[in-house]
Amino acid sequence: MEAFECCCGSGKTTVRSEEEKKKLQNRLRRIEGQIRGIENMVAQDSYCNDILVQCAAVTAAVNSFSREILANHIHGCVTRDIRDGKDEVVDELLATLQKLMK
């Protein structure tokens, strides 16, 4: 089996239940389907406004996904690290929030 090298991120991991993974993966697949739909709209010369409406739907879906990941991160990883005395997680969270709010 070939080892996987992460090209980004901290190298840290988060353990998720199989149910949670499945739920998140399903949301990402729906978003992926929306993106493919937009790609088809461009290929079919769809009206600009119709494409923009679909882009807004994708943006909303990605934002919703991000909010769910963020909530899980705060309730799980951040809370655990603070309890363990790893206060640097607060700075990490603030940096993440700044990136999300751009």
N, C-alpha and C. Protein backbone atom coordinates (compact mmCIF):
# COMPACT_ATOMS: atom_id res chain seq x y z
N MET A 1 0.85 -1.18 0.00
CA MET A 1 0.00 0.00 0.00
C MET A 1 0.89 1.24 0.00
N GLU A 2 0.54 2.18 -0.84
CA GLU A 2 1.32 3.42 -0.97
C GLU A 2 0.93 4.40 0.12
N ALA A 3 1.92 5.05 0.70
CA ALA A 3 1.66 6.05 1.75
C ALA A 3 1.12 7.32 1.11
N PHE A 4 0.21 7.97 1.81
CA PHE A 4 -0.38 9.21 1.33
C PHE A 4 0.36 10.38 1.96
N GLU A 5 0.78 11.30 1.14
CA GLU A 5 1.43 12.52 1.63
C GLU A 5 0.47 13.68 1.47
N CYS A 6 0.22 14.37 2.55
CA CYS A 6 -0.66 15.53 2.52
C CYS A 6 0.08 16.72 1.92
N CYS A 7 -0.56 17.39 1.00
CA CYS A 7 0.07 18.53 0.35
C CYS A 7 -0.25 19.85 1.05
N CYS A 8 -1.12 19.80 2.04
CA CYS A 8 -1.50 21.03 2.72
C CYS A 8 -1.91 20.70 4.15
N GLY A 9 -2.11 21.70 4.94
CA GLY A 9 -2.62 21.50 6.28
C GLY A 9 -1.52 21.32 7.31
N SER A 10 -1.96 21.04 8.51
CA SER A 10 -1.07 20.97 9.66
C SER A 10 -0.47 19.59 9.87
N GLY A 11 -1.03 18.59 9.20
CA GLY A 11 -0.60 17.23 9.45
C GLY A 11 -1.36 16.60 10.60
N LYS A 12 -2.17 17.39 11.33
CA LYS A 12 -3.00 16.87 12.41
C LYS A 12 -4.18 16.13 11.80
N THR A 13 -4.81 15.28 12.59
CA THR A 13 -5.99 14.58 12.12
C THR A 13 -7.13 14.75 13.12
N THR A 14 -8.34 14.53 12.64
CA THR A 14 -9.53 14.54 13.48
C THR A 14 -10.25 13.22 13.28
N VAL A 15 -10.49 12.50 14.34
CA VAL A 15 -11.21 11.24 14.25
C VAL A 15 -12.70 11.55 14.20
N ARG A 16 -13.36 11.04 13.16
CA ARG A 16 -14.80 11.22 13.00
C ARG A 16 -15.47 9.86 12.95
N SER A 17 -16.70 9.81 13.41
CA SER A 17 -17.45 8.56 13.33
C SER A 17 -17.75 8.27 11.86
N GLU A 18 -18.01 7.03 11.56
CA GLU A 18 -18.34 6.65 10.19
C GLU A 18 -19.60 7.36 9.72
N GLU A 19 -20.55 7.55 10.62
CA GLU A 19 -21.79 8.25 10.28
C GLU A 19 -21.50 9.71 9.91
N GLU A 20 -20.64 10.36 10.70
CA GLU A 20 -20.30 11.76 10.42
C GLU A 20 -19.54 11.88 9.10
N LYS A 21 -18.59 10.97 8.87
CA LYS A 21 -17.84 10.98 7.60
C LYS A 21 -18.79 10.83 6.42
N LYS A 22 -19.72 9.89 6.53
CA LYS A 22 -20.67 9.64 5.44
C LYS A 22 -21.52 10.88 5.17
N LYS A 23 -21.98 11.51 6.23
CA LYS A 23 -22.81 12.71 6.11
C LYS A 23 -22.03 13.83 5.41
N LEU A 24 -20.78 14.06 5.84
CA LEU A 24 -19.96 15.11 5.23
C LEU A 24 -19.62 14.78 3.78
N GLN A 25 -19.28 13.53 3.52
CA GLN A 25 -18.95 13.12 2.15
C GLN A 25 -20.15 13.27 1.22
N ASN A 26 -21.34 12.95 1.73
CA ASN A 26 -22.55 13.12 0.91
C ASN A 26 -22.78 14.59 0.56
N ARG A 27 -22.55 15.47 1.52
CA ARG A 27 -22.70 16.90 1.25
C ARG A 27 -21.71 17.35 0.19
N LEU A 28 -20.46 16.88 0.31
CA LEU A 28 -19.44 17.25 -0.69
C LEU A 28 -19.79 16.70 -2.07
N ARG A 29 -20.35 15.51 -2.13
CA ARG A 29 -20.76 14.96 -3.43
C ARG A 29 -21.88 15.78 -4.07
N ARG A 30 -22.80 16.28 -3.23
CA ARG A 30 -23.86 17.14 -3.76
C ARG A 30 -23.26 18.43 -4.31
N ILE A 31 -22.31 19.00 -3.58
CA ILE A 31 -21.64 20.22 -4.05
C ILE A 31 -20.90 19.93 -5.36
N GLU A 32 -20.22 18.81 -5.40
CA GLU A 32 -19.51 18.41 -6.63
C GLU A 32 -20.49 18.30 -7.80
N GLY A 33 -21.66 17.74 -7.55
CA GLY A 33 -22.69 17.64 -8.58
C GLY A 33 -23.17 19.01 -9.04
N GLN A 34 -23.30 19.93 -8.10
CA GLN A 34 -23.70 21.30 -8.45
C GLN A 34 -22.64 21.94 -9.35
N ILE A 35 -21.38 21.73 -9.03
CA ILE A 35 -20.29 22.29 -9.84
C ILE A 35 -20.33 21.69 -11.25
N ARG A 36 -20.54 20.38 -11.34
CA ARG A 36 -20.64 19.75 -12.67
C ARG A 36 -21.83 20.32 -13.44
N GLY A 37 -22.91 20.61 -12.72
CA GLY A 37 -24.07 21.22 -13.37
C GLY A 37 -23.74 22.58 -13.95
N ILE A 38 -22.98 23.38 -13.21
CA ILE A 38 -22.56 24.69 -13.71
C ILE A 38 -21.65 24.52 -14.92
N GLU A 39 -20.76 23.56 -14.86
CA GLU A 39 -19.87 23.29 -16.00
C GLU A 39 -20.70 22.95 -17.24
N ASN A 40 -21.74 22.15 -17.07
CA ASN A 40 -22.63 21.81 -18.19
C ASN A 40 -23.37 23.04 -18.70
N MET A 41 -23.78 23.90 -17.78
CA MET A 41 -24.47 25.12 -18.18
C MET A 41 -23.58 25.99 -19.06
N VAL A 42 -22.30 26.09 -18.68
CA VAL A 42 -21.35 26.87 -19.48
C VAL A 42 -21.20 26.22 -20.86
N ALA A 43 -21.06 24.91 -20.89
CA ALA A 43 -20.90 24.19 -22.16
C ALA A 43 -22.12 24.37 -23.06
N GLN A 44 -23.29 24.53 -22.45
CA GLN A 44 -24.54 24.67 -23.21
C GLN A 44 -24.91 26.13 -23.45
N ASP A 45 -23.99 27.04 -23.16
CA ASP A 45 -24.23 28.47 -23.36
C ASP A 45 -25.48 28.97 -22.63
N SER A 46 -25.65 28.50 -21.40
CA SER A 46 -26.80 28.94 -20.61
C SER A 46 -26.68 30.43 -20.31
N TYR A 47 -27.81 31.03 -20.03
CA TYR A 47 -27.90 32.45 -19.73
C TYR A 47 -27.08 32.77 -18.49
N CYS A 48 -26.32 33.87 -18.54
CA CYS A 48 -25.41 34.26 -17.45
C CYS A 48 -26.10 34.28 -16.10
N ASN A 49 -27.28 34.87 -16.04
CA ASN A 49 -27.99 34.99 -14.77
C ASN A 49 -28.31 33.62 -14.19
N ASP A 50 -28.68 32.67 -15.04
CA ASP A 50 -28.98 31.32 -14.57
C ASP A 50 -27.73 30.66 -13.97
N ILE A 51 -26.58 30.89 -14.58
CA ILE A 51 -25.32 30.35 -14.06
C ILE A 51 -25.00 31.01 -12.73
N LEU A 52 -25.17 32.33 -12.66
CA LEU A 52 -24.89 33.04 -11.41
C LEU A 52 -25.76 32.56 -10.26
N VAL A 53 -27.01 32.26 -10.53
CA VAL A 53 -27.90 31.74 -9.50
C VAL A 53 -27.37 30.40 -8.99
N GLN A 54 -26.91 29.56 -9.89
CA GLN A 54 -26.35 28.27 -9.48
C GLN A 54 -25.04 28.46 -8.71
N CYS A 55 -24.25 29.44 -9.11
CA CYS A 55 -23.01 29.75 -8.38
C CYS A 55 -23.33 30.17 -6.95
N ALA A 56 -24.37 30.96 -6.79
CA ALA A 56 -24.78 31.39 -5.45
C ALA A 56 -25.22 30.18 -4.61
N ALA A 57 -25.88 29.22 -5.24
CA ALA A 57 -26.29 28.01 -4.53
C ALA A 57 -25.08 27.21 -4.08
N VAL A 58 -24.06 27.12 -4.93
CA VAL A 58 -22.83 26.41 -4.56
C VAL A 58 -22.12 27.13 -3.42
N THR A 59 -22.04 28.44 -3.50
CA THR A 59 -21.41 29.22 -2.44
C THR A 59 -22.12 28.99 -1.11
N ALA A 60 -23.44 29.00 -1.13
CA ALA A 60 -24.22 28.76 0.09
C ALA A 60 -23.97 27.36 0.62
N ALA A 61 -23.89 26.37 -0.26
CA ALA A 61 -23.65 24.99 0.15
C ALA A 61 -22.27 24.83 0.77
N VAL A 62 -21.26 25.45 0.17
CA VAL A 62 -19.89 25.37 0.70
C VAL A 62 -19.82 26.09 2.05
N ASN A 63 -20.47 27.24 2.15
CA ASN A 63 -20.48 27.97 3.42
C ASN A 63 -21.16 27.15 4.53
N SER A 64 -22.24 26.49 4.19
CA SER A 64 -22.95 25.65 5.15
C SER A 64 -22.06 24.49 5.60
N PHE A 65 -21.36 23.88 4.65
CA PHE A 65 -20.43 22.80 4.97
C PHE A 65 -19.33 23.31 5.90
N SER A 66 -18.79 24.47 5.59
CA SER A 66 -17.73 25.06 6.42
C SER A 66 -18.22 25.35 7.83
N ARG A 67 -19.44 25.86 7.96
CA ARG A 67 -20.00 26.14 9.28
C ARG A 67 -20.13 24.86 10.10
N GLU A 68 -20.53 23.79 9.46
CA GLU A 68 -20.66 22.51 10.17
C GLU A 68 -19.30 22.00 10.64
N ILE A 69 -18.30 22.06 9.75
CA ILE A 69 -16.95 21.63 10.12
C ILE A 69 -16.43 22.52 11.26
N LEU A 70 -16.66 23.83 11.17
CA LEU A 70 -16.21 24.76 12.21
C LEU A 70 -16.86 24.45 13.55
N ALA A 71 -18.16 24.22 13.55
CA ALA A 71 -18.86 23.90 14.80
C ALA A 71 -18.31 22.61 15.41
N ASN A 72 -18.11 21.61 14.58
CA ASN A 72 -17.54 20.35 15.08
C ASN A 72 -16.13 20.57 15.63
N HIS A 73 -15.36 21.43 14.95
CA HIS A 73 -14.00 21.72 15.38
C HIS A 73 -14.00 22.40 16.75
N ILE A 74 -14.87 23.37 16.92
CA ILE A 74 -14.93 24.09 18.20
C ILE A 74 -15.40 23.17 19.31
N HIS A 75 -16.47 22.42 19.06
CA HIS A 75 -17.02 21.53 20.09
C HIS A 75 -16.10 20.36 20.41
N GLY A 76 -15.31 19.95 19.45
CA GLY A 76 -14.44 18.80 19.65
C GLY A 76 -13.00 19.18 19.90
N CYS A 77 -12.29 19.47 18.82
CA CYS A 77 -10.84 19.70 18.87
C CYS A 77 -10.46 20.86 19.77
N VAL A 78 -11.09 22.01 19.59
CA VAL A 78 -10.72 23.20 20.35
C VAL A 78 -11.01 23.00 21.83
N THR A 79 -12.20 22.51 22.14
CA THR A 79 -12.58 22.27 23.54
C THR A 79 -11.62 21.28 24.20
N ARG A 80 -11.31 20.21 23.50
CA ARG A 80 -10.39 19.21 24.05
C ARG A 80 -9.00 19.80 24.31
N ASP A 81 -8.49 20.54 23.32
CA ASP A 81 -7.15 21.12 23.47
C ASP A 81 -7.08 22.13 24.61
N ILE A 82 -8.12 22.94 24.76
CA ILE A 82 -8.14 23.92 25.86
C ILE A 82 -8.14 23.18 27.20
N ARG A 83 -8.96 22.13 27.29
CA ARG A 83 -8.99 21.34 28.54
C ARG A 83 -7.63 20.71 28.83
N ASP A 84 -6.90 20.38 27.76
CA ASP A 84 -5.57 19.77 27.91
C ASP A 84 -4.47 20.82 28.11
N GLY A 85 -4.87 22.10 28.21
CA GLY A 85 -3.90 23.16 28.45
C GLY A 85 -3.18 23.63 27.20
N LYS A 86 -3.67 23.27 26.03
CA LYS A 86 -3.04 23.68 24.77
C LYS A 86 -3.72 24.95 24.26
N ASP A 87 -3.44 26.05 24.93
CA ASP A 87 -4.09 27.32 24.63
C ASP A 87 -3.76 27.87 23.25
N GLU A 88 -2.70 27.38 22.62
CA GLU A 88 -2.34 27.85 21.28
C GLU A 88 -3.44 27.54 20.25
N VAL A 89 -4.34 26.62 20.62
CA VAL A 89 -5.43 26.29 19.71
C VAL A 89 -6.34 27.50 19.49
N VAL A 90 -6.38 28.42 20.45
CA VAL A 90 -7.20 29.63 20.30
C VAL A 90 -6.64 30.50 19.18
N ASP A 91 -5.32 30.66 19.15
CA ASP A 91 -4.70 31.43 18.07
C ASP A 91 -4.93 30.76 16.71
N GLU A 92 -4.84 29.45 16.70
CA GLU A 92 -5.09 28.70 15.47
C GLU A 92 -6.53 28.92 15.00
N LEU A 93 -7.48 28.88 15.94
CA LEU A 93 -8.88 29.11 15.61
C LEU A 93 -9.10 30.52 15.08
N LEU A 94 -8.50 31.51 15.71
CA LEU A 94 -8.64 32.90 15.25
C LEU A 94 -8.08 33.06 13.84
N ALA A 95 -6.95 32.45 13.55
CA ALA A 95 -6.37 32.51 12.21
C ALA A 95 -7.30 31.86 11.19
N THR A 96 -7.90 30.75 11.58
CA THR A 96 -8.85 30.06 10.70
C THR A 96 -10.06 30.93 10.44
N LEU A 97 -10.58 31.55 11.47
CA LEU A 97 -11.75 32.43 11.30
C LEU A 97 -11.44 33.60 10.38
N GLN A 98 -10.23 34.15 10.49
CA GLN A 98 -9.85 35.25 9.60
C GLN A 98 -9.85 34.78 8.14
N LYS A 99 -9.38 33.57 7.89
CA LYS A 99 -9.38 33.04 6.53
C LYS A 99 -10.79 32.80 6.02
N LEU A 100 -11.67 32.33 6.90
CA LEU A 100 -13.05 32.07 6.51
C LEU A 100 -13.83 33.35 6.22
N MET A 101 -13.43 34.44 6.85
CA MET A 101 -14.17 35.70 6.71
C MET A 101 -13.68 36.58 5.58
N LYS A 102 -12.73 36.11 4.81
CA LYS A 102 -12.24 36.92 3.68
C LYS A 102 -13.30 37.03 2.61
